[in-house]
Protein backbone atom coordinates (compact mmCIF):
# COMPACT_ATOMS: atom_id res chain seq x y z
CA MET A 1 0.00 0.00 0.00
CA THR A 2 1.39 3.40 -0.96
CA ALA A 3 1.34 6.43 1.30
CA ALA A 4 -1.26 8.01 -1.00
CA ALA A 5 -3.54 4.99 -0.68
CA SER A 6 -3.54 5.29 3.10
CA LEU A 7 -4.80 8.90 3.07
CA SER A 8 -8.40 9.64 3.90
CA PHE A 9 -10.31 12.12 1.72
CA GLN A 10 -13.55 14.00 2.24
CA PRO A 11 -16.16 14.12 -0.57
CA ASP A 12 -15.09 17.66 -1.54
CA ASP A 13 -11.47 16.48 -1.81
CA VAL A 14 -12.52 13.67 -4.13
CA ASP A 15 -14.53 16.11 -6.27
CA VAL A 16 -11.48 18.36 -6.71
CA LEU A 17 -9.19 15.44 -7.52
CA ALA A 18 -11.66 13.79 -9.89
CA GLY A 19 -12.42 17.05 -11.69
CA ALA A 20 -8.75 17.79 -12.26
CA LEU A 21 -8.03 14.23 -13.33
CA TYR A 22 -10.96 14.02 -15.75
CA THR A 23 -10.01 17.37 -17.28
CA TRP A 24 -6.33 16.41 -17.58
CA CYS A 25 -7.12 13.08 -19.22
CA ALA A 26 -9.74 14.55 -21.57
CA GLU A 27 -7.34 17.26 -22.76
CA ARG A 28 -4.76 14.59 -23.62
CA ASN A 29 -7.15 11.88 -24.83
CA ILE A 30 -5.95 9.53 -22.08
CA LYS A 31 -8.25 6.83 -20.76
CA LEU A 32 -8.68 7.25 -17.04
CA ARG A 33 -8.36 3.51 -16.39
CA SER A 34 -5.20 3.16 -18.48
CA GLN A 35 -1.77 2.81 -16.92
CA GLN A 36 -1.04 6.44 -17.84
CA GLY A 37 -4.34 7.57 -16.29
CA LEU A 38 -3.58 5.69 -13.08
CA SER A 39 -0.10 7.22 -12.96
CA ILE A 40 -1.53 10.71 -13.34
CA ALA A 41 -4.06 9.95 -10.59
CA SER A 42 -1.24 9.00 -8.25
CA ILE A 43 0.65 12.19 -9.10
CA ALA A 44 -2.52 14.27 -8.59
CA ILE A 45 -3.02 12.74 -5.13
CA ASP A 46 0.58 13.54 -4.21
CA LEU A 47 0.16 17.12 -5.46
CA TYR A 48 -3.10 17.48 -3.52
CA HIS A 49 -1.36 16.27 -0.39
CA ALA A 50 1.44 18.79 -1.09
CA GLY A 51 -1.05 21.67 -0.90
CA HIS A 52 -2.69 22.03 -4.33
CA HIS A 53 -6.29 21.97 -3.08
CA THR A 54 -8.28 23.41 -5.98
CA GLN A 55 -8.93 21.91 -9.39
CA ASP A 56 -7.23 24.83 -11.14
CA ASP A 57 -4.21 24.64 -8.84
CA LEU A 58 -3.91 20.90 -9.44
CA LEU A 59 -4.11 21.35 -13.20
CA VAL A 60 -1.39 24.01 -13.09
CA ALA A 61 0.82 21.77 -10.94
CA LEU A 62 0.24 18.80 -13.26
CA HIS A 63 1.11 20.96 -16.27
CA GLU A 64 4.29 22.21 -14.58
CA ARG A 65 5.25 18.66 -13.67
CA GLU A 66 4.69 17.56 -17.27
CA LEU A 67 7.09 20.25 -18.51
CA HIS A 68 9.94 19.03 -16.29
């Protein structure tokens, strides 16, 4: 079990994460249940835990991570 899997989220947290993830995957034509989609989900959870608590902030952080 990863550290991210052991975290507990409230419904609003899940909404933010899901919204950012769905948007990210749709923009890149990535299937959410693909290996790449699951990898992005893990990264999004880590970024959320690091303090990116809005959908827009998560999308910006994901974009910045993609550029590096």
